[in-house]
N, C-alpha and C. Protein backbone atom coordinates (compact mmCIF):
# COMPACT_ATOMS: atom_id res chain seq x y z
N MET A 1 -93.88 -30.89 54.00
CA MET A 1 -95.17 -30.56 54.64
C MET A 1 -95.00 -29.34 55.54
N VAL A 2 -95.87 -28.36 55.40
CA VAL A 2 -95.79 -27.14 56.20
C VAL A 2 -96.37 -27.40 57.58
N GLU A 3 -95.62 -27.02 58.61
CA GLU A 3 -96.10 -27.20 59.98
C GLU A 3 -97.06 -26.06 60.34
N ILE A 4 -98.20 -26.42 60.89
CA ILE A 4 -99.20 -25.43 61.29
C ILE A 4 -98.88 -24.95 62.69
N PRO A 5 -98.68 -23.65 62.90
CA PRO A 5 -98.36 -23.15 64.24
C PRO A 5 -99.47 -23.48 65.22
N SER A 6 -99.09 -23.84 66.43
CA SER A 6 -100.07 -24.14 67.47
C SER A 6 -99.55 -23.68 68.82
N LEU A 7 -100.46 -23.45 69.75
CA LEU A 7 -100.09 -22.97 71.08
C LEU A 7 -99.45 -24.09 71.90
N PRO A 8 -98.35 -23.79 72.59
CA PRO A 8 -97.76 -24.78 73.49
C PRO A 8 -98.75 -25.14 74.59
N PRO A 9 -98.87 -26.40 74.95
CA PRO A 9 -99.82 -26.80 76.00
C PRO A 9 -99.63 -26.05 77.32
N ALA A 10 -98.40 -25.68 77.64
CA ALA A 10 -98.12 -25.03 78.93
C ALA A 10 -98.79 -23.67 79.06
N ILE A 11 -99.09 -23.03 77.96
CA ILE A 11 -99.71 -21.70 78.04
C ILE A 11 -101.12 -21.66 77.47
N ARG A 12 -101.58 -22.75 76.91
CA ARG A 12 -102.84 -22.70 76.16
C ARG A 12 -104.02 -22.23 77.01
N ASP A 13 -104.15 -22.73 78.23
CA ASP A 13 -105.29 -22.35 79.07
C ASP A 13 -105.27 -20.86 79.39
N ASP A 14 -104.09 -20.33 79.67
CA ASP A 14 -104.00 -18.90 79.98
C ASP A 14 -104.30 -18.05 78.75
N VAL A 15 -103.81 -18.45 77.61
CA VAL A 15 -104.09 -17.72 76.38
C VAL A 15 -105.59 -17.76 76.08
N ALA A 16 -106.20 -18.93 76.28
CA ALA A 16 -107.64 -19.06 76.03
C ALA A 16 -108.45 -18.17 76.97
N THR A 17 -107.98 -18.01 78.20
CA THR A 17 -108.68 -17.13 79.15
C THR A 17 -108.65 -15.69 78.67
N LEU A 18 -107.50 -15.21 78.22
CA LEU A 18 -107.42 -13.84 77.70
C LEU A 18 -108.23 -13.70 76.42
N TRP A 19 -108.16 -14.69 75.57
CA TRP A 19 -108.89 -14.68 74.30
C TRP A 19 -110.39 -14.50 74.54
N ALA A 20 -110.94 -15.26 75.47
CA ALA A 20 -112.37 -15.17 75.76
C ALA A 20 -112.72 -13.81 76.38
N TYR A 21 -111.85 -13.28 77.22
CA TYR A 21 -112.12 -12.01 77.88
C TYR A 21 -112.25 -10.85 76.89
N HIS A 22 -111.41 -10.85 75.88
CA HIS A 22 -111.37 -9.70 74.97
C HIS A 22 -112.50 -9.70 73.95
N GLN A 23 -113.19 -10.79 73.78
CA GLN A 23 -114.30 -10.82 72.83
C GLN A 23 -115.59 -10.43 73.55
N MET A 24 -116.28 -9.45 73.01
CA MET A 24 -117.41 -8.85 73.70
C MET A 24 -118.69 -9.68 73.60
N GLY A 25 -118.80 -10.53 72.62
CA GLY A 25 -119.99 -11.34 72.49
C GLY A 25 -121.23 -10.57 72.08
N HIS A 26 -121.04 -9.46 71.37
CA HIS A 26 -122.18 -8.67 70.94
C HIS A 26 -122.98 -9.39 69.84
N GLN A 27 -124.28 -9.24 69.90
CA GLN A 27 -125.15 -9.85 68.90
C GLN A 27 -125.11 -9.02 67.63
N LEU A 28 -124.92 -9.68 66.52
CA LEU A 28 -124.86 -9.02 65.22
C LEU A 28 -126.23 -8.43 64.88
N ARG A 29 -126.24 -7.16 64.46
CA ARG A 29 -127.48 -6.50 64.06
C ARG A 29 -127.14 -5.37 63.10
N PRO A 30 -128.09 -4.90 62.31
CA PRO A 30 -127.81 -3.81 61.37
C PRO A 30 -127.42 -2.53 62.09
N VAL A 31 -126.42 -1.84 61.53
CA VAL A 31 -125.96 -0.55 62.05
C VAL A 31 -125.78 0.40 60.87
N ASP A 32 -125.52 1.66 61.20
CA ASP A 32 -125.39 2.67 60.15
C ASP A 32 -124.07 2.58 59.39
N VAL A 33 -122.98 2.30 60.11
CA VAL A 33 -121.64 2.30 59.51
C VAL A 33 -120.80 1.18 60.13
N GLY A 34 -120.04 0.50 59.29
CA GLY A 34 -119.01 -0.43 59.77
C GLY A 34 -117.67 0.25 59.74
N VAL A 35 -116.87 0.05 60.80
CA VAL A 35 -115.55 0.66 60.90
C VAL A 35 -114.51 -0.44 61.03
N GLY A 36 -113.68 -0.61 60.02
CA GLY A 36 -112.62 -1.61 60.04
C GLY A 36 -111.35 -0.99 60.60
N LEU A 37 -110.94 -1.46 61.78
CA LEU A 37 -109.78 -0.89 62.47
C LEU A 37 -108.49 -1.50 61.93
N GLY A 38 -107.60 -0.64 61.47
CA GLY A 38 -106.36 -1.09 60.85
C GLY A 38 -105.48 -1.88 61.80
N SER A 39 -104.77 -2.86 61.22
CA SER A 39 -103.83 -3.70 61.97
C SER A 39 -103.06 -4.54 60.97
N HIS A 40 -102.36 -5.55 61.48
CA HIS A 40 -101.65 -6.47 60.60
C HIS A 40 -102.56 -7.56 60.05
N ASP A 41 -103.81 -7.60 60.52
CA ASP A 41 -104.70 -8.74 60.29
C ASP A 41 -105.70 -8.42 59.17
N LEU A 42 -105.49 -9.01 58.00
CA LEU A 42 -106.34 -8.74 56.85
C LEU A 42 -107.74 -9.32 57.01
N SER A 43 -107.94 -10.19 57.99
CA SER A 43 -109.28 -10.75 58.20
C SER A 43 -110.28 -9.68 58.61
N VAL A 44 -109.79 -8.54 59.12
CA VAL A 44 -110.68 -7.42 59.42
C VAL A 44 -111.43 -6.99 58.16
N ALA A 45 -110.69 -6.82 57.08
CA ALA A 45 -111.31 -6.43 55.81
C ALA A 45 -112.16 -7.55 55.23
N THR A 46 -111.73 -8.78 55.40
CA THR A 46 -112.51 -9.92 54.93
C THR A 46 -113.88 -9.95 55.60
N TYR A 47 -113.89 -9.77 56.92
CA TYR A 47 -115.15 -9.82 57.66
C TYR A 47 -116.02 -8.60 57.36
N ALA A 48 -115.40 -7.44 57.20
CA ALA A 48 -116.16 -6.24 56.84
C ALA A 48 -116.88 -6.45 55.51
N ALA A 49 -116.18 -7.02 54.55
CA ALA A 49 -116.80 -7.28 53.25
C ALA A 49 -117.95 -8.28 53.38
N GLN A 50 -117.74 -9.30 54.18
CA GLN A 50 -118.79 -10.31 54.40
C GLN A 50 -120.03 -9.67 55.01
N LEU A 51 -119.84 -8.82 56.01
CA LEU A 51 -120.97 -8.17 56.67
C LEU A 51 -121.67 -7.19 55.74
N TRP A 52 -120.91 -6.49 54.90
CA TRP A 52 -121.53 -5.60 53.93
C TRP A 52 -122.43 -6.39 52.98
N ARG A 53 -121.96 -7.55 52.52
CA ARG A 53 -122.78 -8.38 51.63
C ARG A 53 -124.04 -8.87 52.33
N GLN A 54 -123.98 -9.00 53.66
CA GLN A 54 -125.14 -9.42 54.44
C GLN A 54 -126.05 -8.26 54.81
N ALA A 55 -125.71 -7.06 54.32
CA ALA A 55 -126.49 -5.84 54.58
C ALA A 55 -126.54 -5.48 56.06
N ILE A 56 -125.46 -5.77 56.78
CA ILE A 56 -125.36 -5.34 58.18
C ILE A 56 -125.12 -3.83 58.24
N PHE A 57 -124.42 -3.30 57.26
CA PHE A 57 -124.23 -1.85 57.14
C PHE A 57 -124.06 -1.51 55.67
N PRO A 58 -124.44 -0.29 55.27
CA PRO A 58 -124.32 0.11 53.87
C PRO A 58 -122.97 0.75 53.52
N LEU A 59 -122.21 1.11 54.54
CA LEU A 59 -120.97 1.86 54.34
C LEU A 59 -119.89 1.33 55.27
N ILE A 60 -118.68 1.18 54.74
CA ILE A 60 -117.52 0.76 55.52
C ILE A 60 -116.50 1.89 55.53
N VAL A 61 -115.97 2.21 56.70
CA VAL A 61 -114.80 3.08 56.79
C VAL A 61 -113.63 2.22 57.23
N PHE A 62 -112.59 2.16 56.41
CA PHE A 62 -111.35 1.51 56.80
C PHE A 62 -110.41 2.60 57.31
N THR A 63 -109.84 2.39 58.49
CA THR A 63 -109.04 3.42 59.12
C THR A 63 -107.71 2.86 59.61
N GLY A 64 -106.63 3.57 59.29
CA GLY A 64 -105.32 3.18 59.79
C GLY A 64 -104.20 3.57 58.85
N ALA A 65 -103.12 4.09 59.43
CA ALA A 65 -101.91 4.40 58.68
C ALA A 65 -101.00 3.17 58.73
N ASN A 66 -99.95 3.24 59.51
CA ASN A 66 -99.06 2.10 59.71
C ASN A 66 -98.54 2.10 61.13
N ALA A 67 -98.24 0.92 61.62
CA ALA A 67 -97.47 0.70 62.84
C ALA A 67 -96.19 -0.01 62.44
N PRO A 68 -95.20 -0.07 63.32
CA PRO A 68 -93.97 -0.80 62.96
C PRO A 68 -94.23 -2.23 62.51
N THR A 69 -95.31 -2.85 63.02
CA THR A 69 -95.61 -4.23 62.68
C THR A 69 -96.33 -4.39 61.35
N THR A 70 -96.71 -3.27 60.69
CA THR A 70 -97.48 -3.38 59.46
C THR A 70 -96.83 -2.73 58.24
N VAL A 71 -95.74 -2.01 58.44
CA VAL A 71 -95.12 -1.28 57.32
C VAL A 71 -94.72 -2.22 56.19
N ALA A 72 -94.09 -3.33 56.53
CA ALA A 72 -93.61 -4.24 55.50
C ALA A 72 -94.78 -4.91 54.77
N ARG A 73 -95.82 -5.28 55.51
CA ARG A 73 -96.94 -6.00 54.89
C ARG A 73 -97.86 -5.07 54.13
N PHE A 74 -98.09 -3.88 54.67
CA PHE A 74 -99.03 -2.94 54.06
C PHE A 74 -98.32 -1.61 53.79
N PRO A 75 -97.42 -1.57 52.81
CA PRO A 75 -96.59 -0.37 52.61
C PRO A 75 -97.39 0.86 52.22
N ARG A 76 -98.58 0.71 51.67
CA ARG A 76 -99.40 1.87 51.31
C ARG A 76 -100.35 2.27 52.44
N GLY A 77 -100.20 1.63 53.59
CA GLY A 77 -101.05 1.94 54.73
C GLY A 77 -102.12 0.87 54.93
N GLU A 78 -102.47 0.65 56.18
CA GLU A 78 -103.42 -0.41 56.52
C GLU A 78 -104.78 -0.19 55.86
N ALA A 79 -105.32 1.02 55.98
CA ALA A 79 -106.66 1.28 55.43
C ALA A 79 -106.71 1.09 53.92
N VAL A 80 -105.66 1.52 53.24
CA VAL A 80 -105.63 1.39 51.78
C VAL A 80 -105.62 -0.07 51.36
N HIS A 81 -104.81 -0.88 52.04
CA HIS A 81 -104.77 -2.31 51.71
C HIS A 81 -106.08 -3.00 52.08
N TYR A 82 -106.70 -2.59 53.17
CA TYR A 82 -108.01 -3.13 53.52
C TYR A 82 -109.03 -2.81 52.42
N GLN A 83 -109.00 -1.56 51.95
CA GLN A 83 -109.90 -1.15 50.87
C GLN A 83 -109.70 -2.02 49.64
N GLU A 84 -108.46 -2.23 49.26
CA GLU A 84 -108.17 -3.04 48.08
C GLU A 84 -108.66 -4.47 48.26
N HIS A 85 -108.48 -5.01 49.45
CA HIS A 85 -108.93 -6.37 49.71
C HIS A 85 -110.46 -6.46 49.65
N ALA A 86 -111.13 -5.48 50.24
CA ALA A 86 -112.60 -5.48 50.20
C ALA A 86 -113.11 -5.36 48.77
N ARG A 87 -112.45 -4.55 47.98
CA ARG A 87 -112.82 -4.44 46.56
C ARG A 87 -112.71 -5.80 45.88
N SER A 88 -111.63 -6.51 46.17
CA SER A 88 -111.42 -7.82 45.54
C SER A 88 -112.50 -8.82 45.95
N LEU A 89 -113.18 -8.54 47.06
CA LEU A 89 -114.26 -9.41 47.54
C LEU A 89 -115.64 -8.90 47.12
N GLY A 90 -115.66 -7.88 46.25
CA GLY A 90 -116.91 -7.45 45.66
C GLY A 90 -117.57 -6.23 46.25
N VAL A 91 -116.91 -5.55 47.19
CA VAL A 91 -117.49 -4.34 47.76
C VAL A 91 -117.18 -3.17 46.82
N PRO A 92 -118.19 -2.42 46.37
CA PRO A 92 -117.94 -1.34 45.41
C PRO A 92 -117.30 -0.12 46.07
N ASP A 93 -116.67 0.70 45.26
CA ASP A 93 -115.98 1.89 45.76
C ASP A 93 -116.92 2.82 46.52
N ASP A 94 -118.17 2.93 46.07
CA ASP A 94 -119.06 3.89 46.72
C ASP A 94 -119.57 3.41 48.08
N ALA A 95 -119.18 2.21 48.49
CA ALA A 95 -119.54 1.69 49.81
C ALA A 95 -118.36 1.74 50.78
N ILE A 96 -117.24 2.33 50.35
CA ILE A 96 -116.02 2.35 51.16
C ILE A 96 -115.49 3.77 51.29
N LEU A 97 -115.16 4.16 52.50
CA LEU A 97 -114.37 5.37 52.75
C LEU A 97 -113.06 4.95 53.39
N VAL A 98 -112.01 5.72 53.14
CA VAL A 98 -110.69 5.41 53.68
C VAL A 98 -110.20 6.57 54.53
N GLU A 99 -109.81 6.25 55.74
CA GLU A 99 -109.19 7.21 56.66
C GLU A 99 -107.75 6.72 56.85
N PRO A 100 -106.76 7.38 56.23
CA PRO A 100 -105.41 6.82 56.14
C PRO A 100 -104.40 7.34 57.16
N ALA A 101 -104.84 8.11 58.17
CA ALA A 101 -103.88 8.80 59.03
C ALA A 101 -103.79 8.27 60.45
N ALA A 102 -104.76 7.53 60.92
CA ALA A 102 -104.80 7.13 62.33
C ALA A 102 -103.66 6.19 62.69
N THR A 103 -103.08 6.41 63.86
CA THR A 103 -101.98 5.57 64.32
C THR A 103 -102.28 4.88 65.64
N ASN A 104 -103.49 5.06 66.18
CA ASN A 104 -103.90 4.34 67.38
C ASN A 104 -105.43 4.24 67.37
N THR A 105 -105.98 3.49 68.32
CA THR A 105 -107.41 3.22 68.28
C THR A 105 -108.24 4.48 68.50
N ALA A 106 -107.82 5.36 69.40
CA ALA A 106 -108.56 6.60 69.61
C ALA A 106 -108.60 7.43 68.32
N GLU A 107 -107.47 7.51 67.62
CA GLU A 107 -107.46 8.24 66.36
C GLU A 107 -108.30 7.53 65.31
N ASN A 108 -108.29 6.19 65.28
CA ASN A 108 -109.17 5.47 64.36
C ASN A 108 -110.60 5.99 64.47
N LEU A 109 -111.03 6.21 65.70
CA LEU A 109 -112.42 6.58 65.94
C LEU A 109 -112.67 8.07 65.74
N THR A 110 -111.80 8.91 66.28
CA THR A 110 -112.02 10.35 66.14
C THR A 110 -111.86 10.80 64.69
N LEU A 111 -110.88 10.26 63.99
CA LEU A 111 -110.69 10.65 62.59
C LEU A 111 -111.78 10.08 61.69
N THR A 112 -112.28 8.90 62.03
CA THR A 112 -113.42 8.35 61.30
C THR A 112 -114.64 9.24 61.48
N ARG A 113 -114.89 9.66 62.70
CA ARG A 113 -116.02 10.55 62.95
C ARG A 113 -115.87 11.84 62.16
N GLU A 114 -114.66 12.42 62.13
CA GLU A 114 -114.44 13.65 61.36
C GLU A 114 -114.67 13.43 59.88
N LEU A 115 -114.20 12.30 59.36
CA LEU A 115 -114.39 12.00 57.94
C LEU A 115 -115.88 11.87 57.61
N LEU A 116 -116.62 11.18 58.46
CA LEU A 116 -118.05 11.04 58.22
C LEU A 116 -118.76 12.39 58.30
N THR A 117 -118.36 13.22 59.25
CA THR A 117 -118.96 14.55 59.38
C THR A 117 -118.72 15.37 58.12
N GLN A 118 -117.51 15.28 57.57
CA GLN A 118 -117.20 15.99 56.34
C GLN A 118 -118.08 15.55 55.18
N ARG A 119 -118.51 14.29 55.22
CA ARG A 119 -119.39 13.76 54.18
C ARG A 119 -120.87 13.95 54.51
N GLY A 120 -121.16 14.65 55.61
CA GLY A 120 -122.55 14.88 55.99
C GLY A 120 -123.23 13.68 56.61
N ILE A 121 -122.44 12.77 57.18
CA ILE A 121 -122.98 11.54 57.75
C ILE A 121 -122.82 11.59 59.27
N THR A 122 -123.92 11.43 59.99
CA THR A 122 -123.89 11.39 61.45
C THR A 122 -124.52 10.07 61.89
N PRO A 123 -123.71 9.03 62.04
CA PRO A 123 -124.30 7.73 62.39
C PRO A 123 -124.81 7.69 63.82
N ARG A 124 -125.89 6.95 63.99
CA ARG A 124 -126.39 6.70 65.34
C ARG A 124 -125.82 5.40 65.90
N SER A 125 -125.37 4.52 65.01
CA SER A 125 -124.82 3.23 65.45
C SER A 125 -123.67 2.83 64.55
N VAL A 126 -122.67 2.18 65.12
CA VAL A 126 -121.51 1.71 64.36
C VAL A 126 -121.15 0.30 64.83
N MET A 127 -120.51 -0.43 63.94
CA MET A 127 -119.91 -1.70 64.30
C MET A 127 -118.42 -1.59 64.10
N LEU A 128 -117.65 -1.85 65.15
CA LEU A 128 -116.20 -1.86 65.07
C LEU A 128 -115.73 -3.27 64.75
N ILE A 129 -115.01 -3.39 63.65
CA ILE A 129 -114.50 -4.68 63.21
C ILE A 129 -113.00 -4.67 63.44
N SER A 130 -112.52 -5.65 64.17
CA SER A 130 -111.13 -5.63 64.62
C SER A 130 -110.58 -7.05 64.72
N ARG A 131 -109.33 -7.14 65.13
CA ARG A 131 -108.79 -8.43 65.56
C ARG A 131 -109.61 -8.93 66.75
N PRO A 132 -109.73 -10.24 66.93
CA PRO A 132 -110.57 -10.74 68.03
C PRO A 132 -110.17 -10.20 69.40
N TYR A 133 -108.87 -10.06 69.64
CA TYR A 133 -108.42 -9.64 70.97
C TYR A 133 -108.37 -8.11 71.13
N GLN A 134 -108.86 -7.40 70.13
CA GLN A 134 -108.93 -5.94 70.23
C GLN A 134 -110.36 -5.46 70.53
N GLN A 135 -111.30 -6.37 70.56
CA GLN A 135 -112.70 -5.95 70.68
C GLN A 135 -112.97 -5.14 71.96
N ARG A 136 -112.54 -5.65 73.10
CA ARG A 136 -112.87 -4.97 74.36
C ARG A 136 -112.21 -3.60 74.42
N ARG A 137 -110.97 -3.51 74.01
CA ARG A 137 -110.28 -2.21 74.04
C ARG A 137 -110.92 -1.23 73.06
N ALA A 138 -111.31 -1.74 71.88
CA ALA A 138 -111.98 -0.87 70.91
C ALA A 138 -113.31 -0.36 71.46
N TYR A 139 -114.06 -1.24 72.11
CA TYR A 139 -115.33 -0.84 72.70
C TYR A 139 -115.12 0.23 73.77
N ALA A 140 -114.17 -0.03 74.69
CA ALA A 140 -113.94 0.91 75.79
C ALA A 140 -113.45 2.26 75.27
N THR A 141 -112.65 2.25 74.21
CA THR A 141 -112.16 3.49 73.62
C THR A 141 -113.29 4.26 72.95
N CYS A 142 -114.13 3.54 72.22
CA CYS A 142 -115.24 4.20 71.53
C CYS A 142 -116.20 4.83 72.53
N ARG A 143 -116.51 4.15 73.61
CA ARG A 143 -117.42 4.71 74.60
C ARG A 143 -116.84 5.98 75.23
N LYS A 144 -115.52 6.10 75.22
CA LYS A 144 -114.87 7.30 75.77
C LYS A 144 -114.85 8.45 74.77
N VAL A 145 -114.42 8.17 73.55
CA VAL A 145 -114.15 9.26 72.60
C VAL A 145 -115.31 9.52 71.64
N TRP A 146 -116.27 8.60 71.56
CA TRP A 146 -117.41 8.75 70.65
C TRP A 146 -118.66 8.28 71.36
N PRO A 147 -118.98 8.88 72.50
CA PRO A 147 -120.02 8.33 73.38
C PRO A 147 -121.43 8.43 72.82
N GLU A 148 -121.62 9.29 71.83
CA GLU A 148 -122.98 9.50 71.33
C GLU A 148 -123.48 8.39 70.41
N VAL A 149 -122.59 7.50 69.96
CA VAL A 149 -123.05 6.42 69.08
C VAL A 149 -123.26 5.13 69.87
N GLU A 150 -124.22 4.35 69.41
CA GLU A 150 -124.34 2.98 69.89
C GLU A 150 -123.26 2.15 69.18
N VAL A 151 -122.58 1.30 69.94
CA VAL A 151 -121.46 0.57 69.35
C VAL A 151 -121.57 -0.92 69.66
N ILE A 152 -121.34 -1.72 68.62
CA ILE A 152 -121.14 -3.15 68.81
C ILE A 152 -119.80 -3.51 68.18
N CYS A 153 -119.25 -4.62 68.62
CA CYS A 153 -117.92 -5.04 68.15
C CYS A 153 -117.99 -6.45 67.60
N GLY A 154 -117.12 -6.73 66.65
CA GLY A 154 -117.07 -8.07 66.09
C GLY A 154 -115.77 -8.32 65.36
N SER A 155 -115.51 -9.60 65.13
CA SER A 155 -114.32 -10.05 64.41
C SER A 155 -114.70 -11.29 63.61
N LEU A 156 -113.89 -11.61 62.61
CA LEU A 156 -114.12 -12.83 61.86
C LEU A 156 -114.21 -13.99 62.85
N PRO A 157 -115.32 -14.72 62.85
CA PRO A 157 -115.51 -15.75 63.88
C PRO A 157 -114.61 -16.96 63.64
N LEU A 158 -113.52 -17.00 64.38
CA LEU A 158 -112.58 -18.12 64.34
C LEU A 158 -112.31 -18.58 65.75
N ALA A 159 -112.17 -19.87 65.93
CA ALA A 159 -111.72 -20.41 67.21
C ALA A 159 -110.26 -20.02 67.43
N LEU A 160 -109.84 -20.04 68.68
CA LEU A 160 -108.48 -19.61 69.03
C LEU A 160 -107.42 -20.32 68.21
N ASP A 161 -107.47 -21.64 68.15
CA ASP A 161 -106.43 -22.39 67.43
C ASP A 161 -106.45 -22.08 65.94
N ASP A 162 -107.64 -21.90 65.40
CA ASP A 162 -107.74 -21.55 63.97
C ASP A 162 -107.17 -20.16 63.72
N TYR A 163 -107.41 -19.24 64.66
CA TYR A 163 -106.88 -17.90 64.49
C TYR A 163 -105.34 -17.92 64.53
N VAL A 164 -104.79 -18.62 65.50
CA VAL A 164 -103.33 -18.71 65.59
C VAL A 164 -102.75 -19.28 64.30
N ALA A 165 -103.39 -20.31 63.77
CA ALA A 165 -102.92 -20.92 62.53
C ALA A 165 -103.03 -19.94 61.37
N SER A 166 -104.10 -19.12 61.36
CA SER A 166 -104.28 -18.17 60.26
C SER A 166 -103.22 -17.07 60.28
N ILE A 167 -102.82 -16.66 61.46
CA ILE A 167 -101.78 -15.63 61.59
C ILE A 167 -100.40 -16.23 61.33
N GLY A 168 -100.20 -17.46 61.76
CA GLY A 168 -98.95 -18.16 61.49
C GLY A 168 -97.81 -17.79 62.41
N ASP A 169 -98.12 -17.16 63.55
CA ASP A 169 -97.07 -16.69 64.45
C ASP A 169 -97.60 -16.71 65.88
N VAL A 170 -97.27 -17.77 66.61
CA VAL A 170 -97.76 -17.93 67.98
C VAL A 170 -97.27 -16.79 68.86
N GLU A 171 -96.00 -16.45 68.75
CA GLU A 171 -95.43 -15.41 69.61
C GLU A 171 -96.16 -14.08 69.42
N ARG A 172 -96.45 -13.73 68.19
CA ARG A 172 -97.13 -12.46 67.92
C ARG A 172 -98.51 -12.46 68.58
N VAL A 173 -99.28 -13.52 68.37
CA VAL A 173 -100.63 -13.56 68.90
C VAL A 173 -100.62 -13.46 70.42
N VAL A 174 -99.75 -14.23 71.08
CA VAL A 174 -99.73 -14.22 72.55
C VAL A 174 -99.25 -12.86 73.07
N ASN A 175 -98.22 -12.32 72.46
CA ASN A 175 -97.74 -11.00 72.90
C ASN A 175 -98.81 -9.92 72.71
N MET A 176 -99.54 -9.98 71.60
CA MET A 176 -100.60 -8.99 71.38
C MET A 176 -101.73 -9.15 72.39
N LEU A 177 -102.10 -10.38 72.70
CA LEU A 177 -103.13 -10.63 73.71
C LEU A 177 -102.72 -10.07 75.07
N VAL A 178 -101.48 -10.32 75.44
CA VAL A 178 -100.98 -9.83 76.72
C VAL A 178 -100.95 -8.30 76.72
N GLY A 179 -100.48 -7.72 75.63
CA GLY A 179 -100.42 -6.26 75.54
C GLY A 179 -101.78 -5.61 75.61
N ASP A 180 -102.77 -6.19 74.93
CA ASP A 180 -104.11 -5.62 74.98
C ASP A 180 -104.73 -5.76 76.36
N THR A 181 -104.39 -6.83 77.07
CA THR A 181 -104.91 -6.99 78.43
C THR A 181 -104.37 -5.90 79.35
N GLN A 182 -103.08 -5.61 79.25
CA GLN A 182 -102.51 -4.52 80.04
C GLN A 182 -103.20 -3.20 79.73
N ARG A 183 -103.48 -2.96 78.45
CA ARG A 183 -104.03 -1.68 78.03
C ARG A 183 -105.46 -1.44 78.53
N ILE A 184 -106.20 -2.49 78.82
CA ILE A 184 -107.57 -2.31 79.29
C ILE A 184 -107.60 -1.42 80.53
N GLU A 185 -106.78 -1.72 81.51
CA GLU A 185 -106.76 -0.92 82.73
C GLU A 185 -105.87 0.31 82.59
N LEU A 186 -104.74 0.15 81.92
CA LEU A 186 -103.80 1.26 81.80
C LEU A 186 -104.43 2.44 81.04
N TYR A 187 -105.10 2.15 79.95
CA TYR A 187 -105.68 3.23 79.16
C TYR A 187 -106.88 3.86 79.85
N ALA A 188 -107.61 3.09 80.63
CA ALA A 188 -108.69 3.69 81.43
C ALA A 188 -108.10 4.64 82.47
N GLU A 189 -106.99 4.24 83.12
CA GLU A 189 -106.35 5.10 84.11
C GLU A 189 -105.84 6.39 83.48
N ARG A 190 -105.40 6.32 82.23
CA ARG A 190 -104.87 7.49 81.54
C ARG A 190 -105.94 8.32 80.85
N GLY A 191 -107.19 7.89 80.95
CA GLY A 191 -108.29 8.66 80.37
C GLY A 191 -108.55 8.41 78.91
N PHE A 192 -107.96 7.34 78.35
CA PHE A 192 -108.14 7.04 76.93
C PHE A 192 -109.36 6.17 76.67
N ALA A 193 -109.90 5.55 77.71
CA ALA A 193 -110.99 4.58 77.54
C ALA A 193 -111.80 4.53 78.82
N ILE A 194 -113.02 3.97 78.71
CA ILE A 194 -113.80 3.79 79.94
C ILE A 194 -113.31 2.53 80.65
N PRO A 195 -113.47 2.44 81.97
CA PRO A 195 -113.04 1.23 82.70
C PRO A 195 -113.85 0.01 82.27
N GLN A 196 -113.18 -1.13 82.34
CA GLN A 196 -113.82 -2.41 82.07
C GLN A 196 -113.55 -3.36 83.23
N PRO A 197 -114.52 -4.19 83.60
CA PRO A 197 -114.26 -5.18 84.65
C PRO A 197 -113.21 -6.18 84.18
N MET A 198 -112.39 -6.64 85.11
CA MET A 198 -111.40 -7.66 84.79
C MET A 198 -111.43 -8.75 85.87
N PRO A 199 -111.99 -9.91 85.56
CA PRO A 199 -112.06 -10.99 86.55
C PRO A 199 -110.67 -11.44 87.01
N GLU A 200 -110.62 -12.00 88.19
CA GLU A 200 -109.34 -12.40 88.77
C GLU A 200 -108.65 -13.48 87.95
N ASP A 201 -109.41 -14.38 87.33
CA ASP A 201 -108.75 -15.41 86.52
C ASP A 201 -108.05 -14.82 85.31
N VAL A 202 -108.59 -13.70 84.80
CA VAL A 202 -107.92 -13.01 83.69
C VAL A 202 -106.63 -12.35 84.18
N ARG A 203 -106.70 -11.72 85.35
CA ARG A 203 -105.48 -11.12 85.91
C ARG A 203 -104.39 -12.16 86.12
N GLU A 204 -104.78 -13.30 86.66
CA GLU A 204 -103.80 -14.34 86.95
C GLU A 204 -103.20 -14.91 85.67
N ALA A 205 -104.03 -15.13 84.66
CA ALA A 205 -103.51 -15.62 83.38
C ALA A 205 -102.55 -14.61 82.77
N TYR A 206 -102.92 -13.34 82.83
CA TYR A 206 -102.05 -12.26 82.33
C TYR A 206 -100.70 -12.28 83.05
N ARG A 207 -100.72 -12.36 84.38
CA ARG A 207 -99.47 -12.35 85.15
C ARG A 207 -98.58 -13.54 84.80
N ARG A 208 -99.19 -14.71 84.66
CA ARG A 208 -98.39 -15.89 84.34
C ARG A 208 -97.73 -15.76 82.97
N LEU A 209 -98.45 -15.22 82.00
CA LEU A 209 -97.87 -15.05 80.66
C LEU A 209 -96.77 -14.00 80.67
N VAL A 210 -96.95 -12.93 81.43
CA VAL A 210 -95.88 -11.94 81.58
C VAL A 210 -94.65 -12.61 82.21
N ASP A 211 -94.86 -13.41 83.24
CA ASP A 211 -93.74 -14.09 83.91
C ASP A 211 -93.03 -15.06 82.95
N ARG A 212 -93.75 -15.56 81.97
CA ARG A 212 -93.14 -16.46 80.98
C ARG A 212 -92.42 -15.70 79.87
N GLY A 213 -92.47 -14.38 79.93
CA GLY A 213 -91.69 -13.58 78.99
C GLY A 213 -92.45 -12.98 77.83
N TYR A 214 -93.78 -13.06 77.87
CA TYR A 214 -94.57 -12.47 76.77
C TYR A 214 -94.81 -11.00 77.08
N THR A 215 -93.78 -10.22 76.85
CA THR A 215 -93.78 -8.81 77.25
C THR A 215 -93.50 -7.86 76.08
N ALA A 216 -93.41 -8.38 74.86
CA ALA A 216 -92.98 -7.55 73.73
C ALA A 216 -93.95 -6.42 73.42
N ARG A 217 -95.23 -6.58 73.78
CA ARG A 217 -96.22 -5.55 73.46
C ARG A 217 -96.69 -4.78 74.68
N LEU A 218 -95.99 -4.91 75.80
CA LEU A 218 -96.36 -4.16 76.99
C LEU A 218 -95.95 -2.70 76.84
N VAL A 219 -96.78 -1.82 77.41
CA VAL A 219 -96.46 -0.40 77.45
C VAL A 219 -95.58 -0.15 78.65
N ALA A 220 -94.47 0.55 78.45
CA ALA A 220 -93.54 0.81 79.57
C ALA A 220 -94.20 1.69 80.60
C-alpha cells in the first residue's frame, strides 16, 4: 500500500497560515488571456485547460524555461510540457502560445507581454495561473512589471492536504511556501514587485518554520 504524504501535526497550523495568505481569493471572471506560469507543478496546465474549456479566456500563454527543480521532470522546458499536457486535455494548438525562455516570474510576465505584442495582441486583462502558494507573488510582480493590465490570479482549487498529497513531497511544499513568503517583502524591497500587507500571524508562522529548518528555498 502506498503511503500518502501528509503534513506533520507540529507544523500543520503554520503551513496552513502561509497557504491561506498566498492565495488571493480572486473571483473567477472572463479575461483576454490566460498565462500559465511555469514550475514543477503540472496542475497549472491542467487548470488552464479547464478554464479554457469554460471560456474564461480564448488564449493561453504557457511561459517558462527550466529551474534546477524542473530539469529532470520537464527536460524540454516547463512551457513546452505544459503545452503538451493542455493539448492532451483537448486545447487546440491555435489557442496556445509558448514562451520558452523565462527563468523567473518577472520574465514570465515581460516575455509574455513581448510575445503577445509580436502577435498584435494587447490584452486589457489577464489571469495568472500558478501554484497555489505563488499567487500573491505573481500578482505583486505583475502589478509592478505589467501595470497596465487588470490581473486576477488562480490555481487548481485543492485543499492544502490534497495539494500536498498531489505533489507527493511534504518537504518541497513547505520549503516552497516558506521561500515564497520571504520573497513577498524581499522582492518588493528590491523593486521587483509591489508591496503586499503581511499580517503578524503570517510573520510568526514563517519564523517558526524557518526555525524548524525549512530554509532550502530562502534567498541568501
